[in-house]
Amino acid sequence: MSELPNAGKKTAGPTGKANTPRVMEVSGKMMAPTRHAPNTTPAAIDTFLPAPMTTTEKAEIIVLLKEINESIKALPGLLGNRTASTAHKAPAAKRAPVCCIFCSGTHKAIDCDQYKSPQSRWAVIGEKSLCRFCGTGGHDPQRCHKRDRICLYCDRKHLSALCDLEPHARKVHKPANISAAEEIPVDQIL
């Protein structure tokens, strides 16, 4: 068995502990650790390595396999106790609780009972200096990233909660990307 440069030497790893070689060349083949550690007895070593080995070489491989196995066992702790199936998934985005832009209640702006009329809602938008496209403040509405959003009822560009169409005249428009888009009178939805 021949070893790669530095393969037989112990080197200090990032933790300061001595590391054994991670890759060895056995009978002209590169032997790298596998995902699952095999049985680590000298007899088991003979079954998966093609060339005869000395007892010392077998002992070195057993030590290496045990270190690899311990590293694999430590992975769940490094991943924050996530399972293998969830380790690669991004955490789910948490939605902020619903808050009405008009009265700060815990309902959607379109369902606000305190400010029912479009005129009173437009007044609040002006008083609070909120954007008519997204309902938040702190930016110029002409630079709002939602300035192309269209009202669900009248096809104009503003928040649907600000629509001044009479409720009986409102129609809910399905987005254009849905086939066979149709208009449904609001009073027929529920």
N, C-alpha and C. Protein backbone atom coordinates (compact mmCIF):
# COMPACT_ATOMS: atom_id res chain seq x y z
N MET A 1 0.85 -1.17 0.00
CA MET A 1 0.00 0.00 0.00
C MET A 1 0.89 1.23 0.00
N SER A 2 0.61 2.15 -0.90
CA SER A 2 1.36 3.40 -0.89
C SER A 2 0.44 4.51 -0.43
N GLU A 3 1.03 5.52 0.17
CA GLU A 3 0.23 6.60 0.72
C GLU A 3 0.52 7.88 -0.03
N LEU A 4 -0.41 8.78 0.01
CA LEU A 4 -0.24 10.09 -0.59
C LEU A 4 0.75 10.88 0.25
N PRO A 5 1.28 11.98 -0.29
CA PRO A 5 2.17 12.81 0.52
C PRO A 5 1.46 13.22 1.80
N ASN A 6 2.15 13.16 2.89
CA ASN A 6 1.64 13.47 4.22
C ASN A 6 0.57 12.49 4.69
N ALA A 7 0.34 11.40 3.97
CA ALA A 7 -0.75 10.49 4.32
C ALA A 7 -0.49 9.75 5.61
N GLY A 8 0.74 9.41 5.93
CA GLY A 8 1.03 8.66 7.14
C GLY A 8 1.28 9.54 8.33
N LYS A 9 1.36 10.83 8.11
CA LYS A 9 1.71 11.75 9.18
C LYS A 9 0.45 12.30 9.82
N LYS A 10 0.55 12.53 11.10
CA LYS A 10 -0.56 13.17 11.80
C LYS A 10 -0.39 14.67 11.63
N THR A 11 -1.50 15.35 11.34
CA THR A 11 -1.46 16.80 11.17
C THR A 11 -2.48 17.41 12.12
N ALA A 12 -2.25 18.65 12.49
CA ALA A 12 -3.18 19.34 13.39
C ALA A 12 -4.32 19.90 12.57
N GLY A 13 -5.53 19.62 13.00
CA GLY A 13 -6.72 20.13 12.32
C GLY A 13 -7.13 21.48 12.89
N PRO A 14 -8.27 22.01 12.44
CA PRO A 14 -8.71 23.32 12.89
C PRO A 14 -8.98 23.38 14.39
N THR A 15 -9.27 22.25 15.01
CA THR A 15 -9.53 22.24 16.45
C THR A 15 -8.25 22.04 17.24
N GLY A 16 -7.13 21.82 16.57
CA GLY A 16 -5.87 21.58 17.24
C GLY A 16 -5.61 20.12 17.52
N LYS A 17 -6.60 19.25 17.29
CA LYS A 17 -6.43 17.82 17.49
C LYS A 17 -5.68 17.23 16.31
N ALA A 18 -4.97 16.15 16.57
CA ALA A 18 -4.24 15.50 15.49
C ALA A 18 -5.21 14.78 14.57
N ASN A 19 -5.02 14.96 13.28
CA ASN A 19 -5.84 14.29 12.28
C ASN A 19 -5.04 13.18 11.63
N THR A 20 -5.69 12.09 11.31
CA THR A 20 -5.05 11.04 10.54
C THR A 20 -5.32 11.33 9.08
N PRO A 21 -4.59 10.67 8.18
CA PRO A 21 -4.79 10.96 6.76
C PRO A 21 -6.23 10.70 6.35
N ARG A 22 -6.76 11.52 5.44
CA ARG A 22 -8.15 11.40 5.02
C ARG A 22 -8.31 10.59 3.74
N VAL A 23 -7.29 10.51 2.90
CA VAL A 23 -7.36 9.74 1.65
C VAL A 23 -6.08 8.93 1.54
N MET A 24 -6.23 7.66 1.19
CA MET A 24 -5.05 6.79 1.03
C MET A 24 -5.11 6.14 -0.34
N GLU A 25 -3.95 5.81 -0.88
CA GLU A 25 -3.90 5.10 -2.15
C GLU A 25 -3.60 3.64 -1.83
N VAL A 26 -4.50 2.75 -2.23
CA VAL A 26 -4.34 1.33 -1.98
C VAL A 26 -4.33 0.63 -3.32
N SER A 27 -3.25 -0.09 -3.61
CA SER A 27 -3.12 -0.82 -4.88
C SER A 27 -3.45 0.05 -6.08
N GLY A 28 -2.95 1.27 -6.08
CA GLY A 28 -3.16 2.17 -7.22
C GLY A 28 -4.52 2.82 -7.25
N LYS A 29 -5.36 2.58 -6.26
CA LYS A 29 -6.71 3.18 -6.22
C LYS A 29 -6.79 4.15 -5.05
N MET A 30 -7.49 5.25 -5.28
CA MET A 30 -7.70 6.22 -4.21
C MET A 30 -8.83 5.72 -3.33
N MET A 31 -8.59 5.66 -2.05
CA MET A 31 -9.60 5.21 -1.11
C MET A 31 -10.03 6.41 -0.27
N ALA A 32 -11.25 6.83 -0.45
CA ALA A 32 -11.79 7.95 0.32
C ALA A 32 -12.86 7.40 1.26
N PRO A 33 -13.13 8.11 2.32
CA PRO A 33 -14.16 7.63 3.23
C PRO A 33 -15.52 7.58 2.54
N THR A 34 -16.31 6.59 2.92
CA THR A 34 -17.65 6.47 2.36
C THR A 34 -18.64 7.10 3.32
N ARG A 35 -19.87 7.22 2.89
CA ARG A 35 -20.90 7.86 3.71
C ARG A 35 -21.18 7.06 4.98
N HIS A 36 -21.17 5.77 4.90
CA HIS A 36 -21.45 4.92 6.06
C HIS A 36 -20.18 4.17 6.43
N ALA A 37 -19.80 4.24 7.70
CA ALA A 37 -18.60 3.55 8.15
C ALA A 37 -18.86 2.05 8.18
N PRO A 38 -17.98 1.26 7.57
CA PRO A 38 -18.15 -0.19 7.59
C PRO A 38 -17.78 -0.73 8.97
N ASN A 39 -17.98 -2.02 9.13
CA ASN A 39 -17.56 -2.70 10.35
C ASN A 39 -16.07 -2.45 10.52
N THR A 40 -15.65 -1.97 11.67
CA THR A 40 -14.25 -1.57 11.85
C THR A 40 -13.44 -2.59 12.62
N THR A 41 -13.51 -3.84 12.22
CA THR A 41 -12.64 -4.86 12.80
C THR A 41 -11.57 -5.19 11.76
N PRO A 42 -10.40 -5.70 12.20
CA PRO A 42 -9.36 -6.04 11.22
C PRO A 42 -9.85 -7.02 10.16
N ALA A 43 -10.70 -7.98 10.53
CA ALA A 43 -11.21 -8.94 9.54
C ALA A 43 -12.11 -8.23 8.53
N ALA A 44 -12.89 -7.28 8.99
CA ALA A 44 -13.78 -6.55 8.09
C ALA A 44 -12.98 -5.67 7.13
N ILE A 45 -11.85 -5.15 7.59
CA ILE A 45 -10.99 -4.34 6.74
C ILE A 45 -10.54 -5.16 5.53
N ASP A 46 -10.21 -6.45 5.76
CA ASP A 46 -9.76 -7.33 4.67
C ASP A 46 -10.85 -7.49 3.61
N THR A 47 -12.12 -7.42 4.00
CA THR A 47 -13.19 -7.66 3.03
C THR A 47 -13.43 -6.49 2.09
N PHE A 48 -13.08 -5.27 2.48
CA PHE A 48 -13.35 -4.17 1.57
C PHE A 48 -12.10 -3.54 0.96
N LEU A 49 -10.91 -3.96 1.36
CA LEU A 49 -9.69 -3.48 0.72
C LEU A 49 -9.10 -4.59 -0.14
N PRO A 50 -8.70 -4.25 -1.37
CA PRO A 50 -8.24 -5.28 -2.30
C PRO A 50 -6.85 -5.84 -2.00
N ALA A 51 -5.98 -5.10 -1.32
CA ALA A 51 -4.60 -5.55 -1.12
C ALA A 51 -4.39 -6.01 0.32
N PRO A 52 -3.51 -6.99 0.52
CA PRO A 52 -3.18 -7.40 1.89
C PRO A 52 -2.52 -6.24 2.64
N MET A 53 -2.82 -6.15 3.92
CA MET A 53 -2.29 -5.04 4.71
C MET A 53 -1.68 -5.57 5.99
N THR A 54 -0.75 -4.80 6.53
CA THR A 54 -0.15 -5.16 7.81
C THR A 54 -1.13 -4.79 8.92
N THR A 55 -0.86 -5.33 10.08
CA THR A 55 -1.71 -5.04 11.24
C THR A 55 -1.67 -3.56 11.58
N THR A 56 -0.51 -2.94 11.44
CA THR A 56 -0.38 -1.51 11.72
C THR A 56 -1.23 -0.68 10.76
N GLU A 57 -1.19 -1.04 9.47
CA GLU A 57 -1.99 -0.32 8.47
C GLU A 57 -3.49 -0.49 8.76
N LYS A 58 -3.87 -1.71 9.15
CA LYS A 58 -5.27 -1.95 9.49
C LYS A 58 -5.68 -1.11 10.70
N ALA A 59 -4.80 -1.03 11.69
CA ALA A 59 -5.10 -0.25 12.88
C ALA A 59 -5.28 1.23 12.54
N GLU A 60 -4.41 1.74 11.62
CA GLU A 60 -4.53 3.14 11.20
C GLU A 60 -5.86 3.39 10.49
N ILE A 61 -6.27 2.44 9.67
CA ILE A 61 -7.54 2.59 8.94
C ILE A 61 -8.71 2.54 9.92
N ILE A 62 -8.62 1.66 10.91
CA ILE A 62 -9.69 1.57 11.91
C ILE A 62 -9.82 2.89 12.66
N VAL A 63 -8.69 3.48 13.04
CA VAL A 63 -8.71 4.78 13.74
C VAL A 63 -9.34 5.83 12.83
N LEU A 64 -8.95 5.84 11.56
CA LEU A 64 -9.48 6.80 10.60
C LEU A 64 -11.00 6.63 10.45
N LEU A 65 -11.45 5.39 10.32
CA LEU A 65 -12.88 5.13 10.16
C LEU A 65 -13.67 5.56 11.41
N LYS A 66 -13.10 5.33 12.58
CA LYS A 66 -13.77 5.74 13.81
C LYS A 66 -13.87 7.26 13.89
N GLU A 67 -12.81 7.97 13.48
CA GLU A 67 -12.85 9.44 13.47
C GLU A 67 -13.90 9.96 12.49
N ILE A 68 -13.95 9.33 11.33
CA ILE A 68 -14.95 9.72 10.33
C ILE A 68 -16.35 9.47 10.88
N ASN A 69 -16.54 8.33 11.50
CA ASN A 69 -17.84 8.00 12.07
C ASN A 69 -18.25 9.01 13.14
N GLU A 70 -17.31 9.41 13.99
CA GLU A 70 -17.60 10.41 15.02
C GLU A 70 -17.94 11.75 14.39
N SER A 71 -17.25 12.11 13.30
CA SER A 71 -17.55 13.37 12.60
C SER A 71 -18.96 13.35 12.03
N ILE A 72 -19.35 12.22 11.48
CA ILE A 72 -20.69 12.08 10.92
C ILE A 72 -21.74 12.19 12.03
N LYS A 73 -21.46 11.57 13.17
CA LYS A 73 -22.40 11.63 14.29
C LYS A 73 -22.54 13.06 14.81
N ALA A 74 -21.48 13.87 14.68
CA ALA A 74 -21.52 15.25 15.18
C ALA A 74 -22.28 16.18 14.24
N LEU A 75 -22.54 15.77 13.01
CA LEU A 75 -23.21 16.64 12.04
C LEU A 75 -24.58 17.14 12.49
N PRO A 76 -25.45 16.33 13.04
CA PRO A 76 -26.76 16.87 13.45
C PRO A 76 -26.63 18.04 14.41
N GLY A 77 -25.68 18.00 15.33
CA GLY A 77 -25.48 19.12 16.24
C GLY A 77 -25.02 20.37 15.52
N LEU A 78 -24.22 20.20 14.49
CA LEU A 78 -23.76 21.34 13.71
C LEU A 78 -24.87 21.92 12.86
N LEU A 79 -25.85 21.11 12.51
CA LEU A 79 -26.97 21.56 11.68
C LEU A 79 -28.13 22.08 12.52
N GLY A 80 -27.94 22.23 13.80
CA GLY A 80 -29.01 22.73 14.64
C GLY A 80 -30.11 21.71 14.86
N ASN A 81 -29.74 20.45 14.99
CA ASN A 81 -30.68 19.36 15.24
C ASN A 81 -31.75 19.21 14.17
N ARG A 82 -31.44 19.61 12.95
CA ARG A 82 -32.37 19.38 11.85
C ARG A 82 -32.19 17.97 11.35
N THR A 83 -33.24 17.38 10.85
CA THR A 83 -33.13 16.05 10.29
C THR A 83 -32.51 16.14 8.91
N ALA A 84 -32.06 15.04 8.39
CA ALA A 84 -31.43 15.04 7.08
C ALA A 84 -32.38 15.53 6.00
N SER A 85 -33.67 15.23 6.13
CA SER A 85 -34.62 15.65 5.10
C SER A 85 -34.93 17.13 5.17
N THR A 86 -34.77 17.77 6.34
CA THR A 86 -35.07 19.19 6.44
C THR A 86 -33.83 20.06 6.45
N ALA A 87 -32.65 19.48 6.51
CA ALA A 87 -31.43 20.26 6.61
C ALA A 87 -31.21 21.15 5.39
N HIS A 88 -31.65 20.71 4.22
CA HIS A 88 -31.41 21.49 3.01
C HIS A 88 -32.51 22.49 2.72
N LYS A 89 -33.62 22.44 3.44
CA LYS A 89 -34.75 23.32 3.17
C LYS A 89 -34.54 24.66 3.87
N ALA A 90 -34.97 25.72 3.20
CA ALA A 90 -34.92 27.04 3.80
C ALA A 90 -36.04 27.15 4.82
N PRO A 91 -35.79 27.90 5.90
CA PRO A 91 -36.85 28.04 6.88
C PRO A 91 -38.06 28.75 6.27
N ALA A 92 -39.24 28.35 6.71
CA ALA A 92 -40.46 28.95 6.19
C ALA A 92 -40.55 30.40 6.66
N ALA A 93 -40.97 31.27 5.76
CA ALA A 93 -41.11 32.67 6.10
C ALA A 93 -42.31 32.84 7.02
N LYS A 94 -42.12 33.58 8.09
CA LYS A 94 -43.21 33.83 9.02
C LYS A 94 -43.90 35.12 8.59
N ARG A 95 -45.22 35.05 8.49
CA ARG A 95 -45.99 36.22 8.10
C ARG A 95 -46.25 37.08 9.34
N ALA A 96 -46.17 38.38 9.11
CA ALA A 96 -46.50 39.31 10.18
C ALA A 96 -48.00 39.27 10.41
N PRO A 97 -48.46 39.50 11.63
CA PRO A 97 -49.90 39.52 11.86
C PRO A 97 -50.54 40.63 11.03
N VAL A 98 -51.79 40.40 10.61
CA VAL A 98 -52.50 41.37 9.79
C VAL A 98 -52.74 42.63 10.61
N CYS A 99 -52.47 43.79 10.00
CA CYS A 99 -52.68 45.07 10.67
C CYS A 99 -53.28 46.04 9.66
N CYS A 100 -54.45 46.57 9.98
CA CYS A 100 -55.14 47.52 9.11
C CYS A 100 -54.33 48.81 9.01
N ILE A 101 -54.12 49.30 7.78
CA ILE A 101 -53.34 50.54 7.60
C ILE A 101 -54.13 51.77 8.01
N PHE A 102 -55.44 51.64 8.13
CA PHE A 102 -56.27 52.80 8.48
C PHE A 102 -56.42 52.97 9.99
N CYS A 103 -56.81 51.91 10.70
CA CYS A 103 -57.09 52.02 12.14
C CYS A 103 -56.13 51.22 13.01
N SER A 104 -55.20 50.49 12.41
CA SER A 104 -54.23 49.63 13.11
C SER A 104 -54.88 48.44 13.81
N GLY A 105 -56.09 48.09 13.40
CA GLY A 105 -56.77 46.92 13.94
C GLY A 105 -56.19 45.64 13.37
N THR A 106 -56.65 44.51 13.88
CA THR A 106 -56.14 43.21 13.44
C THR A 106 -57.03 42.61 12.36
N HIS A 107 -57.21 43.34 11.29
CA HIS A 107 -58.00 42.89 10.14
C HIS A 107 -57.38 43.50 8.88
N LYS A 108 -57.79 43.02 7.74
CA LYS A 108 -57.30 43.56 6.48
C LYS A 108 -57.88 44.96 6.28
N ALA A 109 -57.13 45.80 5.58
CA ALA A 109 -57.57 47.17 5.33
C ALA A 109 -58.91 47.19 4.60
N ILE A 110 -59.12 46.28 3.71
CA ILE A 110 -60.36 46.26 2.94
C ILE A 110 -61.57 45.95 3.81
N ASP A 111 -61.34 45.35 4.99
CA ASP A 111 -62.42 44.99 5.91
C ASP A 111 -62.59 45.99 7.05
N CYS A 112 -61.96 47.16 6.96
CA CYS A 112 -62.01 48.13 8.05
C CYS A 112 -63.42 48.70 8.21
N ASP A 113 -63.99 48.55 9.42
CA ASP A 113 -65.32 49.10 9.71
C ASP A 113 -65.25 50.52 10.26
N GLN A 114 -64.09 50.91 10.77
CA GLN A 114 -63.94 52.26 11.32
C GLN A 114 -63.86 53.28 10.19
N TYR A 115 -63.19 52.92 9.11
CA TYR A 115 -63.07 53.79 7.94
C TYR A 115 -63.70 53.05 6.76
N LYS A 116 -65.01 53.18 6.61
CA LYS A 116 -65.73 52.43 5.59
C LYS A 116 -65.72 53.11 4.23
N SER A 117 -65.81 54.41 4.20
CA SER A 117 -65.93 55.10 2.91
C SER A 117 -64.57 55.30 2.26
N PRO A 118 -64.54 55.29 0.93
CA PRO A 118 -63.28 55.55 0.24
C PRO A 118 -62.72 56.92 0.59
N GLN A 119 -63.59 57.91 0.80
CA GLN A 119 -63.12 59.26 1.12
C GLN A 119 -62.38 59.27 2.46
N SER A 120 -62.92 58.59 3.47
CA SER A 120 -62.25 58.56 4.77
C SER A 120 -60.94 57.79 4.68
N ARG A 121 -60.90 56.76 3.86
CA ARG A 121 -59.67 55.98 3.69
C ARG A 121 -58.60 56.80 2.97
N TRP A 122 -59.00 57.54 1.92
CA TRP A 122 -58.05 58.40 1.22
C TRP A 122 -57.53 59.48 2.18
N ALA A 123 -58.39 59.98 3.07
CA ALA A 123 -57.97 61.00 4.04
C ALA A 123 -56.89 60.44 4.97
N VAL A 124 -57.07 59.21 5.42
CA VAL A 124 -56.07 58.58 6.30
C VAL A 124 -54.75 58.40 5.55
N ILE A 125 -54.82 57.99 4.30
CA ILE A 125 -53.61 57.83 3.48
C ILE A 125 -52.85 59.16 3.43
N GLY A 126 -53.58 60.27 3.23
CA GLY A 126 -52.96 61.59 3.18
C GLY A 126 -52.40 62.02 4.53
N GLU A 127 -53.18 61.83 5.61
CA GLU A 127 -52.75 62.23 6.95
C GLU A 127 -51.50 61.48 7.40
N LYS A 128 -51.45 60.19 7.11
CA LYS A 128 -50.31 59.37 7.54
C LYS A 128 -49.18 59.34 6.52
N SER A 129 -49.35 60.04 5.40
CA SER A 129 -48.36 60.05 4.30
C SER A 129 -48.02 58.63 3.85
N LEU A 130 -49.06 57.85 3.60
CA LEU A 130 -48.87 56.48 3.14
C LEU A 130 -48.94 56.42 1.62
N CYS A 131 -48.32 55.42 1.07
CA CYS A 131 -48.31 55.19 -0.37
C CYS A 131 -49.66 54.62 -0.81
N ARG A 132 -50.22 55.14 -1.89
CA ARG A 132 -51.52 54.66 -2.38
C ARG A 132 -51.41 53.32 -3.10
N PHE A 133 -50.17 52.88 -3.36
CA PHE A 133 -49.97 51.61 -4.07
C PHE A 133 -49.74 50.43 -3.12
N CYS A 134 -49.03 50.69 -2.01
CA CYS A 134 -48.70 49.58 -1.11
C CYS A 134 -49.20 49.77 0.32
N GLY A 135 -49.57 50.99 0.68
CA GLY A 135 -50.11 51.25 2.01
C GLY A 135 -49.08 51.47 3.10
N THR A 136 -47.81 51.58 2.73
CA THR A 136 -46.78 51.86 3.73
C THR A 136 -46.23 53.26 3.50
N GLY A 137 -45.46 53.75 4.44
CA GLY A 137 -44.88 55.08 4.32
C GLY A 137 -43.39 55.01 4.10
N GLY A 138 -42.79 56.19 4.05
CA GLY A 138 -41.33 56.25 3.98
C GLY A 138 -40.74 56.21 2.59
N HIS A 139 -41.57 56.32 1.57
CA HIS A 139 -41.02 56.34 0.21
C HIS A 139 -41.95 57.13 -0.71
N ASP A 140 -41.41 57.53 -1.85
CA ASP A 140 -42.17 58.26 -2.86
C ASP A 140 -43.03 57.25 -3.62
N PRO A 141 -44.35 57.46 -3.67
CA PRO A 141 -45.21 56.52 -4.39
C PRO A 141 -44.79 56.28 -5.85
N GLN A 142 -44.21 57.27 -6.49
CA GLN A 142 -43.79 57.08 -7.88
C GLN A 142 -42.61 56.12 -8.00
N ARG A 143 -41.94 55.85 -6.89
CA ARG A 143 -40.83 54.89 -6.89
C ARG A 143 -41.21 53.57 -6.20
N CYS A 144 -42.48 53.43 -5.86
CA CYS A 144 -42.94 52.23 -5.15
C CYS A 144 -42.83 51.00 -6.04
N HIS A 145 -42.33 49.92 -5.48
CA HIS A 145 -42.18 48.69 -6.25
C HIS A 145 -43.53 48.04 -6.56
N LYS A 146 -44.60 48.52 -5.94
CA LYS A 146 -45.94 47.98 -6.22
C LYS A 146 -46.81 48.98 -6.98
N ARG A 147 -46.19 49.96 -7.61
CA ARG A 147 -46.96 51.01 -8.29
C ARG A 147 -47.74 50.50 -9.50
N ASP A 148 -47.43 49.32 -9.99
CA ASP A 148 -48.16 48.76 -11.13
C ASP A 148 -49.27 47.81 -10.68
N ARG A 149 -49.46 47.67 -9.40
CA ARG A 149 -50.53 46.81 -8.88
C ARG A 149 -51.88 47.44 -9.25
N ILE A 150 -52.80 46.61 -9.69
CA ILE A 150 -54.10 47.09 -10.16
C ILE A 150 -55.18 46.72 -9.14
N CYS A 151 -56.11 47.63 -8.94
CA CYS A 151 -57.24 47.42 -8.04
C CYS A 151 -58.05 46.21 -8.51
N LEU A 152 -58.52 45.44 -7.56
CA LEU A 152 -59.32 44.25 -7.89
C LEU A 152 -60.68 44.60 -8.49
N TYR A 153 -61.14 45.84 -8.29
CA TYR A 153 -62.49 46.20 -8.69
C TYR A 153 -62.58 47.08 -9.94
N CYS A 154 -61.66 48.03 -10.10
CA CYS A 154 -61.83 49.01 -11.17
C CYS A 154 -60.69 49.03 -12.19
N ASP A 155 -59.69 48.24 -12.02
CA ASP A 155 -58.53 48.17 -12.91
C ASP A 155 -57.68 49.44 -12.92
N ARG A 156 -57.86 50.31 -11.93
CA ARG A 156 -56.97 51.47 -11.81
C ARG A 156 -55.84 51.10 -10.84
N LYS A 157 -54.81 51.92 -10.81
CA LYS A 157 -53.64 51.62 -9.98
C LYS A 157 -53.77 52.28 -8.61
N HIS A 158 -54.22 51.51 -7.64
CA HIS A 158 -54.29 51.92 -6.24
C HIS A 158 -54.65 50.68 -5.42
N LEU A 159 -54.55 50.79 -4.12
CA LEU A 159 -54.97 49.69 -3.24
C LEU A 159 -56.46 49.44 -3.43
N SER A 160 -56.86 48.21 -3.45
CA SER A 160 -58.28 47.87 -3.61
C SER A 160 -59.11 48.45 -2.47
N ALA A 161 -58.54 48.60 -1.29
CA ALA A 161 -59.26 49.17 -0.15
C ALA A 161 -59.59 50.64 -0.35
N LEU A 162 -58.97 51.29 -1.33
CA LEU A 162 -59.22 52.70 -1.61
C LEU A 162 -60.21 52.91 -2.75
N CYS A 163 -60.73 51.85 -3.32
CA CYS A 163 -61.58 51.96 -4.51
C CYS A 163 -62.85 52.75 -4.20
N ASP A 164 -63.17 53.69 -5.10
CA ASP A 164 -64.35 54.53 -4.90
C ASP A 164 -65.57 54.06 -5.69
N LEU A 165 -65.49 52.91 -6.33
CA LEU A 165 -66.67 52.36 -7.00
C LEU A 165 -67.69 51.96 -5.96
N GLU A 166 -68.95 52.16 -6.26
CA GLU A 166 -70.01 51.73 -5.36
C GLU A 166 -69.93 50.20 -5.21
N PRO A 167 -70.15 49.67 -4.02
CA PRO A 167 -70.03 48.22 -3.81
C PRO A 167 -70.83 47.38 -4.79
N HIS A 168 -72.05 47.81 -5.18
CA HIS A 168 -72.85 47.01 -6.11
C HIS A 168 -72.27 47.02 -7.52
N ALA A 169 -71.45 48.02 -7.84
CA ALA A 169 -70.86 48.12 -9.18
C ALA A 169 -69.51 47.43 -9.27
N ARG A 170 -68.98 47.04 -8.13
CA ARG A 170 -67.65 46.42 -8.11
C ARG A 170 -67.69 45.02 -8.69
N LYS A 171 -66.70 44.69 -9.44
CA LYS A 171 -66.54 43.34 -9.96
C LYS A 171 -65.13 42.90 -9.60
N VAL A 172 -65.00 41.65 -9.20
CA VAL A 172 -63.68 41.11 -8.90
C VAL A 172 -63.11 40.59 -10.20
N HIS A 173 -61.95 41.11 -10.58
CA HIS A 173 -61.31 40.69 -11.81
C HIS A 173 -60.27 39.64 -11.49
N LYS A 174 -60.34 38.52 -12.18
CA LYS A 174 -59.30 37.51 -12.01
C LYS A 174 -58.07 38.00 -12.77
N PRO A 175 -56.88 37.66 -12.29
CA PRO A 175 -55.66 38.06 -13.01
C PRO A 175 -55.66 37.53 -14.44
N ALA A 176 -55.01 38.26 -15.33
CA ALA A 176 -54.98 37.91 -16.75
C ALA A 176 -54.29 36.58 -17.00
N ASN A 177 -53.41 36.15 -16.11
CA ASN A 177 -52.68 34.90 -16.35
C ASN A 177 -53.52 33.66 -16.09
N ILE A 178 -54.76 33.82 -15.61
CA ILE A 178 -55.65 32.68 -15.41
C ILE A 178 -56.51 32.56 -16.66
N SER A 179 -56.57 31.36 -17.23
CA SER A 179 -57.33 31.18 -18.46
C SER A 179 -58.81 31.37 -18.19
N ALA A 180 -59.52 31.82 -19.19
CA ALA A 180 -60.96 32.06 -19.15
C ALA A 180 -61.32 32.99 -17.99
N ALA A 181 -60.59 34.11 -17.92
CA ALA A 181 -60.86 35.08 -16.86
C ALA A 181 -62.28 35.60 -17.00
N GLU A 182 -62.94 35.74 -15.86
CA GLU A 182 -64.30 36.23 -15.87
C GLU A 182 -64.49 37.21 -14.74
N GLU A 183 -65.48 38.08 -14.88
CA GLU A 183 -65.79 39.04 -13.85
C GLU A 183 -66.95 38.51 -13.03
N ILE A 184 -66.82 38.62 -11.72
CA ILE A 184 -67.84 38.11 -10.81
C ILE A 184 -68.31 39.27 -9.94
N PRO A 185 -69.61 39.57 -9.91
CA PRO A 185 -70.08 40.63 -9.02
C PRO A 185 -69.73 40.28 -7.57
N VAL A 186 -69.29 41.28 -6.81
CA VAL A 186 -68.86 41.06 -5.44
C VAL A 186 -69.97 40.46 -4.59
N ASP A 187 -71.21 40.89 -4.78
CA ASP A 187 -72.29 40.38 -3.95
C ASP A 187 -72.63 38.92 -4.22
N GLN A 188 -72.05 38.33 -5.27
CA GLN A 188 -72.29 36.92 -5.58
C GLN A 188 -71.15 36.01 -5.12
N ILE A 189 -70.10 36.58 -4.56
CA ILE A 189 -68.94 35.78 -4.16
C ILE A 189 -69.27 34.91 -2.97
N LEU A 190 -69.89 35.45 -1.96
CA LEU A 190 -70.22 34.67 -0.77
C LEU A 190 -71.61 34.22 -0.88
